[in-house]
Amino acid sequence: MSIIDQIKLPIKDELEKFSPYFKNQLHSENRLLNFAINYSLRTKGKQMRPMLVFLCCKVLGNTSESTMVAASLIELLHSATLIHDDVIDESFYRRGFFSIFALWKAKIAILLGDYFLAQGLLMSLKYKKYEVLDIVSQAVRDMSEGELEQLEKANRLNITEESYYVIIRKKTGALISACCEAGAFSSGASAEDVALMKKFGTLIGMAFQIKDDLFDYQKTGFIGKPKYNDIQERKLTLPVIYAVNQADIVDRKRILRKFRKRSKSASDIQTIVDFVKNNGGVEYACKKMNDLHDEAVGLLSKFPDSQAKQSLILLADYIVQRDK
């Protein structure tokens, strides 16, 4: 049994009910729209967001229709952001499949993302889940701000370690935090426990992003070769930030000159990778990632032992140990 299957065990029934429930929220009478919706649902990933909603709820209480609505709202709004992201990035693949943008181009992709957003808003009004809508809307706002701040810093190449943490807290931590907060809220837990779950989500979300940032410097996936996406896109991630700060001014300027290039040769990339590794960037980022993981798992010690709690710990472990 895979680690993901182990994590899902306490919420197996909820996840089985979730797929048809979520699909029902999206049905349209428009043939083209319905075809695109069905295609997008076929390419779902590991269901990490619904998993977090259901697990955080079960640690604190029992799942209900409110939990199902919360998981659906988050999935609707997040799916919309992914579809729009593929248009912005002109990305032809999503989870190994052709993206909506690749198959139907920008106009239909944007309209489909808008449809997902509208359905999320309508769903929150239908079930009167205004608090959950507030949680999710704040997360989407933070994600947008985080992405814009990262783009601004990429252009100027002046990001500090402190501003990096702000960016990843917004860009990645906000959504995972919203999953945990919404799940906890749907259980009817106290404000204190909901806040604790929100913090847990923020921490594992930030750890998730640092792990992603490390993939440019570590063997990954089936073929064991990093793709160097962040280096190519001039994103100053934690391994680079630390390594640059450790270097003398001559080496720092030399590496940043290579980093600024819009088109980098294989030699440029290898020079950057070697520089980051030789200046301790990978080790430092790994330590910070593991510190965030440990702090997050430590927060769960307040709650009684349960299968759901053990699955949350397993999920936190998976986030920092995954290879893709």
C-alpha atoms as a PDB file:
ATOM      1  CA  MET A   1       0.000   0.000   0.000  1.00  0.00           C
ATOM      2  CA  SER A   2       1.367   3.413  -0.987  1.00  0.00           C
ATOM      3  CA  ILE A   3       1.779   6.186   1.590  1.00  0.00           C
ATOM      4  CA  ILE A   4      -1.056   8.131  -0.072  1.00  0.00           C
ATOM      5  CA  ASP A   5      -3.384   5.130   0.285  1.00  0.00           C
ATOM      6  CA  GLN A   6      -2.393   4.836   3.957  1.00  0.00           C
ATOM      7  CA  ILE A   7      -3.135   8.525   4.509  1.00  0.00           C
ATOM      8  CA  LYS A   8      -6.575   8.143   2.935  1.00  0.00           C
ATOM      9  CA  LEU A   9      -7.687   5.175   5.084  1.00  0.00           C
ATOM     10  CA  PRO A  10      -9.538   7.153   7.826  1.00  0.00           C
ATOM     11  CA  ILE A  11     -11.384   9.237   5.209  1.00  0.00           C
ATOM     12  CA  LYS A  12     -11.916   6.600   2.518  1.00  0.00           C
ATOM     13  CA  ASP A  13     -15.712   6.883   2.697  1.00  0.00           C
ATOM     14  CA  GLU A  14     -15.620  10.695   2.556  1.00  0.00           C
ATOM     15  CA  LEU A  15     -13.357  10.725  -0.493  1.00  0.00           C
ATOM     16  CA  GLU A  16     -15.532   8.179  -2.314  1.00  0.00           C
ATOM     17  CA  LYS A  17     -18.580  10.397  -1.747  1.00  0.00           C
ATOM     18  CA  PHE A  18     -16.670  13.555  -2.614  1.00  0.00           C
ATOM     19  CA  SER A  19     -15.929  12.801  -6.278  1.00  0.00           C
ATOM     20  CA  PRO A  20     -19.560  12.465  -7.444  1.00  0.00           C
ATOM     21  CA  TYR A  21     -20.660  15.250  -5.088  1.00  0.00           C
ATOM     22  CA  PHE A  22     -18.064  17.619  -6.545  1.00  0.00           C
ATOM     23  CA  LYS A  23     -18.919  16.642 -10.110  1.00  0.00           C
ATOM     24  CA  ASN A  24     -22.588  17.424  -9.473  1.00  0.00           C
ATOM     25  CA  GLN A  25     -21.679  20.991  -8.525  1.00  0.00           C
ATOM     26  CA  LEU A  26     -20.200  21.570 -11.969  1.00  0.00           C
ATOM     27  CA  HIS A  27     -22.731  20.114 -14.391  1.00  0.00           C
ATOM     28  CA  SER A  28     -23.709  22.481 -17.203  1.00  0.00           C
ATOM     29  CA  GLU A  29     -26.253  22.274 -20.007  1.00  0.00           C
ATOM     30  CA  ASN A  30     -23.695  23.809 -22.357  1.00  0.00           C
ATOM     31  CA  ARG A  31     -22.170  20.920 -24.325  1.00  0.00           C
ATOM     32  CA  LEU A  32     -18.695  22.415 -24.826  1.00  0.00           C
ATOM     33  CA  LEU A  33     -18.474  23.599 -21.227  1.00  0.00           C
ATOM     34  CA  ASN A  34     -19.603  20.233 -19.902  1.00  0.00           C
ATOM     35  CA  PHE A  35     -17.042  18.430 -22.092  1.00  0.00           C
ATOM     36  CA  ALA A  36     -14.222  20.666 -20.812  1.00  0.00           C
ATOM     37  CA  ILE A  37     -15.393  20.195 -17.201  1.00  0.00           C
ATOM     38  CA  ASN A  38     -15.424  16.403 -17.548  1.00  0.00           C
ATOM     39  CA  TYR A  39     -11.953  16.493 -19.085  1.00  0.00           C
ATOM     40  CA  SER A  40     -10.579  18.613 -16.240  1.00  0.00           C
ATOM     41  CA  LEU A  41     -12.074  16.222 -13.659  1.00  0.00           C
ATOM     42  CA  ARG A  42     -10.351  13.244 -15.311  1.00  0.00           C
ATOM     43  CA  THR A  43      -6.951  14.761 -14.628  1.00  0.00           C
ATOM     44  CA  LYS A  44      -7.328  15.145 -10.859  1.00  0.00           C
ATOM     45  CA  GLY A  45      -4.221  14.540  -8.767  1.00  0.00           C
ATOM     46  CA  LYS A  46      -3.821  12.975  -5.339  1.00  0.00           C
ATOM     47  CA  GLN A  47      -6.784  14.930  -3.871  1.00  0.00           C
ATOM     48  CA  MET A  48      -4.480  16.508  -1.305  1.00  0.00           C
ATOM     49  CA  ARG A  49      -6.795  19.468  -0.642  1.00  0.00           C
ATOM     50  CA  PRO A  50      -9.951  17.415   0.099  1.00  0.00           C
ATOM     51  CA  MET A  51      -7.763  15.036   2.119  1.00  0.00           C
ATOM     52  CA  LEU A  52      -6.617  17.909   4.331  1.00  0.00           C
ATOM     53  CA  VAL A  53     -10.153  19.235   4.783  1.00  0.00           C
ATOM     54  CA  PHE A  54     -11.541  15.846   5.819  1.00  0.00           C
ATOM     55  CA  LEU A  55      -8.577  14.848   8.014  1.00  0.00           C
ATOM     56  CA  CYS A  56      -8.488  18.148   9.916  1.00  0.00           C
ATOM     57  CA  CYS A  57     -12.216  17.844  10.515  1.00  0.00           C
ATOM     58  CA  LYS A  58     -11.917  14.249  11.749  1.00  0.00           C
ATOM     59  CA  VAL A  59      -9.098  15.087  14.164  1.00  0.00           C
ATOM     60  CA  LEU A  60     -11.518  17.480  15.892  1.00  0.00           C
ATOM     61  CA  GLY A  61     -14.928  15.896  15.297  1.00  0.00           C
ATOM     62  CA  ASN A  62     -17.136  14.294  12.676  1.00  0.00           C
ATOM     63  CA  THR A  63     -17.506  15.166   9.017  1.00  0.00           C
ATOM     64  CA  SER A  64     -20.835  16.493   7.755  1.00  0.00           C
ATOM     65  CA  GLU A  65     -22.338  18.153   4.702  1.00  0.00           C
ATOM     66  CA  SER A  66     -20.561  21.337   5.838  1.00  0.00           C
ATOM     67  CA  THR A  67     -17.246  19.520   5.431  1.00  0.00           C
ATOM     68  CA  MET A  68     -18.230  18.320   1.964  1.00  0.00           C
ATOM     69  CA  VAL A  69     -19.195  21.876   0.972  1.00  0.00           C
ATOM     70  CA  ALA A  70     -15.911  23.238   2.380  1.00  0.00           C
ATOM     71  CA  ALA A  71     -13.851  20.695   0.413  1.00  0.00           C
ATOM     72  CA  SER A  72     -15.825  21.477  -2.753  1.00  0.00           C
ATOM     73  CA  LEU A  73     -15.425  25.246  -2.381  1.00  0.00           C
ATOM     74  CA  ILE A  74     -11.670  24.952  -1.997  1.00  0.00           C
ATOM     75  CA  GLU A  75     -11.393  22.555  -4.933  1.00  0.00           C
ATOM     76  CA  LEU A  76     -13.541  24.792  -7.158  1.00  0.00           C
ATOM     77  CA  LEU A  77     -11.598  27.959  -6.459  1.00  0.00           C
ATOM     78  CA  HIS A  78      -8.233  26.215  -6.645  1.00  0.00           C
ATOM     79  CA  SER A  79      -9.122  24.501  -9.923  1.00  0.00           C
ATOM     80  CA  ALA A  80      -9.985  27.910 -11.350  1.00  0.00           C
ATOM     81  CA  THR A  81      -6.597  29.317 -10.345  1.00  0.00           C
ATOM     82  CA  LEU A  82      -4.788  26.340 -11.938  1.00  0.00           C
ATOM     83  CA  ILE A  83      -6.634  26.775 -15.231  1.00  0.00           C
ATOM     84  CA  HIS A  84      -5.828  30.490 -15.257  1.00  0.00           C
ATOM     85  CA  ASP A  85      -2.188  29.770 -14.286  1.00  0.00           C
ATOM     86  CA  ASP A  86      -1.765  27.539 -17.341  1.00  0.00           C
ATOM     87  CA  VAL A  87      -2.955  30.394 -19.548  1.00  0.00           C
ATOM     88  CA  ILE A  88      -0.554  32.854 -17.895  1.00  0.00           C
ATOM     89  CA  ASP A  89       2.372  30.425 -18.139  1.00  0.00           C
ATOM     90  CA  GLU A  90       1.311  29.150 -21.586  1.00  0.00           C
ATOM     91  CA  SER A  91       1.643  25.671 -20.137  1.00  0.00           C
ATOM     92  CA  PHE A  92       0.556  22.764 -22.319  1.00  0.00           C
ATOM     93  CA  TYR A  93       0.602  20.102 -19.591  1.00  0.00           C
ATOM     94  CA  ARG A  94      -1.048  19.652 -16.228  1.00  0.00           C
ATOM     95  CA  ARG A  95      -0.251  16.521 -14.189  1.00  0.00           C
ATOM     96  CA  GLY A  96       1.043  14.733 -17.269  1.00  0.00           C
ATOM     97  CA  PHE A  97      -2.067  15.469 -19.368  1.00  0.00           C
ATOM     98  CA  PHE A  98      -2.723  18.199 -21.902  1.00  0.00           C
ATOM     99  CA  SER A  99      -3.951  21.325 -20.114  1.00  0.00           C
ATOM    100  CA  ILE A 100      -7.262  23.013 -20.880  1.00  0.00           C
ATOM    101  CA  PHE A 101      -5.193  25.816 -22.445  1.00  0.00           C
ATOM    102  CA  ALA A 102      -3.421  23.336 -24.755  1.00  0.00           C
ATOM    103  CA  LEU A 103      -6.679  21.811 -26.010  1.00  0.00           C
ATOM    104  CA  TRP A 104      -8.994  24.835 -26.194  1.00  0.00           C
ATOM    105  CA  LYS A 105      -6.639  27.853 -26.081  1.00  0.00           C
ATOM    106  CA  ALA A 106      -6.812  30.932 -23.877  1.00  0.00           C
ATOM    107  CA  LYS A 107     -10.375  32.191 -24.354  1.00  0.00           C
ATOM    108  CA  ILE A 108     -12.134  28.946 -23.415  1.00  0.00           C
ATOM    109  CA  ALA A 109      -9.632  28.190 -20.643  1.00  0.00           C
ATOM    110  CA  ILE A 110     -10.234  31.592 -19.025  1.00  0.00           C
ATOM    111  CA  LEU A 111     -14.003  31.201 -19.343  1.00  0.00           C
ATOM    112  CA  LEU A 112     -13.846  27.719 -17.794  1.00  0.00           C
ATOM    113  CA  GLY A 113     -11.809  29.084 -14.882  1.00  0.00           C
ATOM    114  CA  ASP A 114     -14.390  31.858 -14.466  1.00  0.00           C
ATOM    115  CA  TYR A 115     -17.152  29.236 -14.455  1.00  0.00           C
ATOM    116  CA  PHE A 116     -15.411  27.338 -11.647  1.00  0.00           C
ATOM    117  CA  LEU A 117     -15.095  30.566  -9.651  1.00  0.00           C
ATOM    118  CA  ALA A 118     -18.761  31.416 -10.200  1.00  0.00           C
ATOM    119  CA  GLN A 119     -19.886  27.944  -9.149  1.00  0.00           C
ATOM    120  CA  GLY A 120     -17.863  28.256  -5.953  1.00  0.00           C
ATOM    121  CA  LEU A 121     -19.528  31.569  -5.133  1.00  0.00           C
ATOM    122  CA  LEU A 122     -22.993  30.214  -5.942  1.00  0.00           C
ATOM    123  CA  MET A 123     -22.380  27.105  -3.867  1.00  0.00           C
ATOM    124  CA  SER A 124     -21.400  29.142  -0.818  1.00  0.00           C
ATOM    125  CA  LEU A 125     -24.599  31.200  -1.193  1.00  0.00           C
ATOM    126  CA  LYS A 126     -26.772  28.121  -1.739  1.00  0.00           C
ATOM    127  CA  TYR A 127     -25.563  26.412   1.436  1.00  0.00           C
ATOM    128  CA  LYS A 128     -25.026  29.694   3.356  1.00  0.00           C
ATOM    129  CA  LYS A 129     -21.371  28.847   4.070  1.00  0.00           C
ATOM    130  CA  TYR A 130     -20.216  32.449   4.300  1.00  0.00           C
ATOM    131  CA  GLU A 131     -17.456  31.746   6.819  1.00  0.00           C
ATOM    132  CA  VAL A 132     -15.882  29.114   4.566  1.00  0.00           C
ATOM    133  CA  LEU A 133     -16.169  31.455   1.581  1.00  0.00           C
ATOM    134  CA  ASP A 134     -14.339  34.090   3.628  1.00  0.00           C
ATOM    135  CA  ILE A 135     -11.550  31.610   4.456  1.00  0.00           C
ATOM    136  CA  VAL A 136     -11.128  30.521   0.834  1.00  0.00           C
ATOM    137  CA  SER A 137     -11.411  34.025  -0.630  1.00  0.00           C
ATOM    138  CA  GLN A 138      -8.657  35.295   1.652  1.00  0.00           C
ATOM    139  CA  ALA A 139      -6.480  32.377   0.537  1.00  0.00           C
ATOM    140  CA  VAL A 140      -7.015  33.169  -3.168  1.00  0.00           C
ATOM    141  CA  ARG A 141      -6.201  36.826  -2.497  1.00  0.00           C
ATOM    142  CA  ASP A 142      -2.996  35.863  -0.680  1.00  0.00           C
ATOM    143  CA  MET A 143      -2.018  33.476  -3.484  1.00  0.00           C
ATOM    144  CA  SER A 144      -2.409  36.241  -6.065  1.00  0.00           C
ATOM    145  CA  GLU A 145      -0.369  38.661  -3.966  1.00  0.00           C
ATOM    146  CA  GLY A 146       2.346  36.043  -3.434  1.00  0.00           C
ATOM    147  CA  GLU A 147       2.655  35.322  -7.145  1.00  0.00           C
ATOM    148  CA  LEU A 148       2.814  39.035  -7.992  1.00  0.00           C
ATOM    149  CA  GLU A 149       5.430  39.689  -5.310  1.00  0.00           C
ATOM    150  CA  GLN A 150       7.539  36.816  -6.631  1.00  0.00           C
ATOM    151  CA  LEU A 151       7.316  38.174 -10.190  1.00  0.00           C
ATOM    152  CA  GLU A 152       8.376  41.605  -8.973  1.00  0.00           C
ATOM    153  CA  LYS A 153      11.335  40.175  -7.048  1.00  0.00           C
ATOM    154  CA  ALA A 154      12.339  37.978 -10.014  1.00  0.00           C
ATOM    155  CA  ASN A 155      12.633  41.102 -12.175  1.00  0.00           C
ATOM    156  CA  ARG A 156      14.767  42.937  -9.621  1.00  0.00           C
ATOM    157  CA  LEU A 157      16.625  39.938  -8.145  1.00  0.00           C
ATOM    158  CA  ASN A 158      16.617  41.606  -4.736  1.00  0.00           C
ATOM    159  CA  ILE A 159      14.736  39.067  -2.639  1.00  0.00           C
ATOM    160  CA  THR A 160      15.819  38.525   0.978  1.00  0.00           C
ATOM    161  CA  GLU A 161      15.256  35.389   3.022  1.00  0.00           C
ATOM    162  CA  GLU A 162      12.563  37.189   5.029  1.00  0.00           C
ATOM    163  CA  SER A 163      10.650  38.308   1.934  1.00  0.00           C
ATOM    164  CA  TYR A 164      10.984  34.782   0.501  1.00  0.00           C
ATOM    165  CA  TYR A 165       9.142  33.390   3.533  1.00  0.00           C
ATOM    166  CA  VAL A 166       6.398  36.005   3.112  1.00  0.00           C
ATOM    167  CA  ILE A 167       6.008  35.006  -0.541  1.00  0.00           C
ATOM    168  CA  ILE A 168       5.768  31.247   0.069  1.00  0.00           C
ATOM    169  CA  ARG A 169       3.436  31.746   3.028  1.00  0.00           C
ATOM    170  CA  LYS A 170       1.070  33.554   0.663  1.00  0.00           C
ATOM    171  CA  LYS A 171       1.718  31.619  -2.532  1.00  0.00           C
ATOM    172  CA  THR A 172       1.544  28.070  -1.155  1.00  0.00           C
ATOM    173  CA  GLY A 173       0.923  28.205   2.576  1.00  0.00           C
ATOM    174  CA  ALA A 174      -2.322  30.163   2.213  1.00  0.00           C
ATOM    175  CA  LEU A 175      -4.226  27.492   0.284  1.00  0.00           C
ATOM    176  CA  ILE A 176      -3.116  24.553   2.421  1.00  0.00           C
ATOM    177  CA  SER A 177      -3.828  26.656   5.497  1.00  0.00           C
ATOM    178  CA  ALA A 178      -7.346  27.340   4.161  1.00  0.00           C
ATOM    179  CA  CYS A 179      -7.946  23.592   3.717  1.00  0.00           C
ATOM    180  CA  CYS A 180      -7.007  22.914   7.327  1.00  0.00           C
ATOM    181  CA  GLU A 181      -8.903  25.924   8.699  1.00  0.00           C
ATOM    182  CA  ALA A 182     -12.060  25.161   6.707  1.00  0.00           C
ATOM    183  CA  GLY A 183     -11.984  21.486   7.695  1.00  0.00           C
ATOM    184  CA  ALA A 184     -11.498  22.323  11.360  1.00  0.00           C
ATOM    185  CA  PHE A 185     -14.241  24.968  11.229  1.00  0.00           C
ATOM    186  CA  SER A 186     -16.707  22.492   9.692  1.00  0.00           C
ATOM    187  CA  SER A 187     -16.238  20.196  12.696  1.00  0.00           C
ATOM    188  CA  GLY A 188     -17.648  22.826  15.058  1.00  0.00           C
ATOM    189  CA  ALA A 189     -14.343  23.037  16.950  1.00  0.00           C
ATOM    190  CA  SER A 190     -13.334  25.955  19.160  1.00  0.00           C
ATOM    191  CA  ALA A 191     -11.760  29.073  17.661  1.00  0.00           C
ATOM    192  CA  GLU A 192      -8.482  28.103  19.356  1.00  0.00           C
ATOM    193  CA  ASP A 193      -8.387  24.668  17.722  1.00  0.00           C
ATOM    194  CA  VAL A 194      -9.352  26.103  14.323  1.00  0.00           C
ATOM    195  CA  ALA A 195      -6.482  28.619  14.612  1.00  0.00           C
ATOM    196  CA  LEU A 196      -4.096  25.798  15.520  1.00  0.00           C
ATOM    197  CA  MET A 197      -5.083  23.817  12.433  1.00  0.00           C
ATOM    198  CA  LYS A 198      -4.723  26.938  10.312  1.00  0.00           C
ATOM    199  CA  LYS A 199      -1.149  27.377  11.582  1.00  0.00           C
ATOM    200  CA  PHE A 200      -0.433  23.684  10.931  1.00  0.00           C
ATOM    201  CA  GLY A 201      -1.537  24.190   7.328  1.00  0.00           C
ATOM    202  CA  THR A 202       0.599  27.292   6.887  1.00  0.00           C
ATOM    203  CA  LEU A 203       3.704  25.486   8.130  1.00  0.00           C
ATOM    204  CA  ILE A 204       3.303  22.358   5.995  1.00  0.00           C
ATOM    205  CA  GLY A 205       2.405  24.555   3.022  1.00  0.00           C
ATOM    206  CA  MET A 206       5.667  26.463   3.379  1.00  0.00           C
ATOM    207  CA  ALA A 207       7.557  23.176   3.788  1.00  0.00           C
ATOM    208  CA  PHE A 208       5.847  21.940   0.611  1.00  0.00           C
ATOM    209  CA  GLN A 209       7.098  24.969  -1.330  1.00  0.00           C
ATOM    210  CA  ILE A 210      10.680  24.630  -0.088  1.00  0.00           C
ATOM    211  CA  LYS A 211      10.612  20.971  -1.157  1.00  0.00           C
ATOM    212  CA  ASP A 212       9.479  22.100  -4.620  1.00  0.00           C
ATOM    213  CA  ASP A 213      12.305  24.645  -4.668  1.00  0.00           C
ATOM    214  CA  LEU A 214      14.839  21.898  -3.918  1.00  0.00           C
ATOM    215  CA  PHE A 215      13.870  19.890  -7.003  1.00  0.00           C
ATOM    216  CA  ASP A 216      16.159  22.031  -9.193  1.00  0.00           C
ATOM    217  CA  TYR A 217      19.103  20.713  -7.186  1.00  0.00           C
ATOM    218  CA  GLN A 218      18.132  17.108  -6.476  1.00  0.00           C
ATOM    219  CA  LYS A 219      17.352  14.003  -8.487  1.00  0.00           C
ATOM    220  CA  THR A 220      13.592  13.850  -8.990  1.00  0.00           C
ATOM    221  CA  GLY A 221      10.809  11.822 -10.559  1.00  0.00           C
ATOM    222  CA  PHE A 222      11.098   8.702 -12.651  1.00  0.00           C
ATOM    223  CA  ILE A 223      14.139   9.715 -14.709  1.00  0.00           C
ATOM    224  CA  GLY A 224      15.997  11.337 -11.823  1.00  0.00           C
ATOM    225  CA  LYS A 225      16.749  14.596 -13.640  1.00  0.00           C
ATOM    226  CA  PRO A 226      15.723  18.024 -12.349  1.00  0.00           C
ATOM    227  CA  LYS A 227      14.008  20.334 -14.856  1.00  0.00           C
ATOM    228  CA  TYR A 228      15.617  23.589 -13.624  1.00  0.00           C
ATOM    229  CA  ASN A 229      12.317  25.443 -14.035  1.00  0.00           C
ATOM    230  CA  ASP A 230      12.997  27.932 -11.243  1.00  0.00           C
ATOM    231  CA  ILE A 231      16.496  28.686 -12.511  1.00  0.00           C
ATOM    232  CA  GLN A 232      15.216  29.216 -16.054  1.00  0.00           C
ATOM    233  CA  GLU A 233      12.442  31.505 -14.789  1.00  0.00           C
ATOM    234  CA  ARG A 234      14.886  33.517 -12.622  1.00  0.00           C
ATOM    235  CA  LYS A 235      13.092  32.661  -9.384  1.00  0.00           C
ATOM    236  CA  LEU A 236      15.312  33.278  -6.375  1.00  0.00           C
ATOM    237  CA  THR A 237      14.408  30.343  -4.145  1.00  0.00           C
ATOM    238  CA  LEU A 238      15.761  29.597  -0.670  1.00  0.00           C
ATOM    239  CA  PRO A 239      18.776  27.493  -1.791  1.00  0.00           C
ATOM    240  CA  VAL A 240      19.954  30.315  -4.074  1.00  0.00           C
ATOM    241  CA  ILE A 241      19.240  33.105  -1.582  1.00  0.00           C
ATOM    242  CA  TYR A 242      21.299  31.411   1.127  1.00  0.00           C
ATOM    243  CA  ALA A 243      24.169  30.499  -1.208  1.00  0.00           C
ATOM    244  CA  VAL A 244      24.375  34.055  -2.597  1.00  0.00           C
ATOM    245  CA  ASN A 245      24.446  35.510   0.915  1.00  0.00           C
ATOM    246  CA  GLN A 246      27.348  33.214   1.851  1.00  0.00           C
ATOM    247  CA  ALA A 247      29.476  34.140  -1.178  1.00  0.00           C
ATOM    248  CA  ASP A 248      31.950  36.989  -1.515  1.00  0.00           C
ATOM    249  CA  ILE A 249      30.939  39.980  -3.617  1.00  0.00           C
ATOM    250  CA  VAL A 250      32.800  38.793  -6.743  1.00  0.00           C
ATOM    251  CA  ASP A 251      31.128  35.367  -6.823  1.00  0.00           C
ATOM    252  CA  ARG A 252      27.782  36.903  -5.925  1.00  0.00           C
ATOM    253  CA  LYS A 253      27.866  39.272  -8.889  1.00  0.00           C
ATOM    254  CA  ARG A 254      29.067  36.506 -11.214  1.00  0.00           C
ATOM    255  CA  ILE A 255      26.202  34.173 -10.301  1.00  0.00           C
ATOM    256  CA  LEU A 256      23.549  36.885 -10.380  1.00  0.00           C
ATOM    257  CA  ARG A 257      24.701  37.869 -13.866  1.00  0.00           C
ATOM    258  CA  LYS A 258      24.104  34.301 -15.024  1.00  0.00           C
ATOM    259  CA  PHE A 259      20.800  34.202 -13.156  1.00  0.00           C
ATOM    260  CA  ARG A 260      19.584  37.363 -14.921  1.00  0.00           C
ATOM    261  CA  LYS A 261      19.926  35.787 -18.359  1.00  0.00           C
ATOM    262  CA  ARG A 262      16.543  35.119 -19.929  1.00  0.00           C
ATOM    263  CA  SER A 263      18.012  32.225 -21.905  1.00  0.00           C
ATOM    264  CA  LYS A 264      20.536  30.143 -19.991  1.00  0.00           C
ATOM    265  CA  SER A 265      22.863  27.582 -21.514  1.00  0.00           C
ATOM    266  CA  ALA A 266      23.396  24.147 -19.972  1.00  0.00           C
ATOM    267  CA  SER A 267      26.769  25.451 -18.784  1.00  0.00           C
ATOM    268  CA  ASP A 268      25.144  28.455 -17.075  1.00  0.00           C
ATOM    269  CA  ILE A 269      22.681  26.218 -15.266  1.00  0.00           C
ATOM    270  CA  GLN A 270      25.360  23.796 -14.125  1.00  0.00           C
ATOM    271  CA  THR A 271      27.466  26.684 -12.827  1.00  0.00           C
ATOM    272  CA  ILE A 272      24.494  27.962 -10.791  1.00  0.00           C
ATOM    273  CA  VAL A 273      23.668  24.485  -9.447  1.00  0.00           C
ATOM    274  CA  ASP A 274      27.294  23.830  -8.429  1.00  0.00           C
ATOM    275  CA  PHE A 275      27.504  27.266  -6.793  1.00  0.00           C
ATOM    276  CA  VAL A 276      24.345  26.663  -4.755  1.00  0.00           C
ATOM    277  CA  LYS A 277      25.490  23.216  -3.617  1.00  0.00           C
ATOM    278  CA  ASN A 278      29.052  24.305  -2.810  1.00  0.00           C
ATOM    279  CA  ASN A 279      27.820  27.236  -0.721  1.00  0.00           C
ATOM    280  CA  GLY A 280      25.479  25.145   1.421  1.00  0.00           C
ATOM    281  CA  GLY A 281      22.210  26.279  -0.147  1.00  0.00           C
ATOM    282  CA  VAL A 282      20.691  22.800  -0.447  1.00  0.00           C
ATOM    283  CA  GLU A 283      21.590  21.748   3.104  1.00  0.00           C
ATOM    284  CA  TYR A 284      20.259  25.010   4.541  1.00  0.00           C
ATOM    285  CA  ALA A 285      16.952  24.764   2.661  1.00  0.00           C
ATOM    286  CA  CYS A 286      16.539  21.133   3.767  1.00  0.00           C
ATOM    287  CA  LYS A 287      17.078  22.163   7.394  1.00  0.00           C
ATOM    288  CA  LYS A 288      14.513  24.971   7.178  1.00  0.00           C
ATOM    289  CA  MET A 289      12.021  22.644   5.502  1.00  0.00           C
ATOM    290  CA  ASN A 290      12.454  20.025   8.217  1.00  0.00           C
ATOM    291  CA  ASP A 291      12.166  22.687  10.950  1.00  0.00           C
ATOM    292  CA  LEU A 292       8.800  23.756   9.516  1.00  0.00           C
ATOM    293  CA  HIS A 293       7.689  20.109   9.327  1.00  0.00           C
ATOM    294  CA  ASP A 294       8.693  19.457  12.940  1.00  0.00           C
ATOM    295  CA  GLU A 295       6.938  22.584  14.194  1.00  0.00           C
ATOM    296  CA  ALA A 296       3.772  21.627  12.305  1.00  0.00           C
ATOM    297  CA  VAL A 297       3.725  18.052  13.643  1.00  0.00           C
ATOM    298  CA  GLY A 298       4.404  19.395  17.142  1.00  0.00           C
ATOM    299  CA  LEU A 299       1.171  21.411  17.003  1.00  0.00           C
ATOM    300  CA  LEU A 300      -0.809  18.180  16.633  1.00  0.00           C
ATOM    301  CA  SER A 301       0.397  16.906  20.026  1.00  0.00           C
ATOM    302  CA  LYS A 302      -2.464  18.822  21.666  1.00  0.00           C
ATOM    303  CA  PHE A 303      -5.040  16.565  20.025  1.00  0.00           C
ATOM    304  CA  PRO A 304      -5.823  13.001  21.161  1.00  0.00           C
ATOM    305  CA  ASP A 305      -4.395  10.147  19.128  1.00  0.00           C
ATOM    306  CA  SER A 306      -6.593   8.940  16.293  1.00  0.00           C
ATOM    307  CA  GLN A 307      -6.285   7.457  12.827  1.00  0.00           C
ATOM    308  CA  ALA A 308      -6.964  10.885  11.330  1.00  0.00           C
ATOM    309  CA  LYS A 309      -4.181  12.466  13.393  1.00  0.00           C
ATOM    310  CA  GLN A 310      -1.728   9.754  12.339  1.00  0.00           C
ATOM    311  CA  SER A 311      -2.707  10.356   8.706  1.00  0.00           C
ATOM    312  CA  LEU A 312      -2.026  14.095   9.087  1.00  0.00           C
ATOM    313  CA  ILE A 313       1.432  13.269  10.455  1.00  0.00           C
ATOM    314  CA  LEU A 314       1.994  10.848   7.558  1.00  0.00           C
ATOM    315  CA  LEU A 315       0.905  13.556   5.124  1.00  0.00           C
ATOM    316  CA  ALA A 316       3.350  16.031   6.668  1.00  0.00           C
ATOM    317  CA  ASP A 317       6.097  13.399   6.312  1.00  0.00           C
ATOM    318  CA  TYR A 318       5.144  12.739   2.702  1.00  0.00           C
ATOM    319  CA  ILE A 319       5.348  16.440   1.846  1.00  0.00           C
ATOM    320  CA  VAL A 320       9.026  16.649   2.807  1.00  0.00           C
ATOM    321  CA  GLN A 321      10.025  13.189   1.569  1.00  0.00           C
ATOM    322  CA  ARG A 322       8.342  13.086  -1.875  1.00  0.00           C
ATOM    323  CA  ASP A 323      10.462  12.887  -5.005  1.00  0.00           C
ATOM    324  CA  LYS A 324       8.162  14.776  -7.401  1.00  0.00           C
END
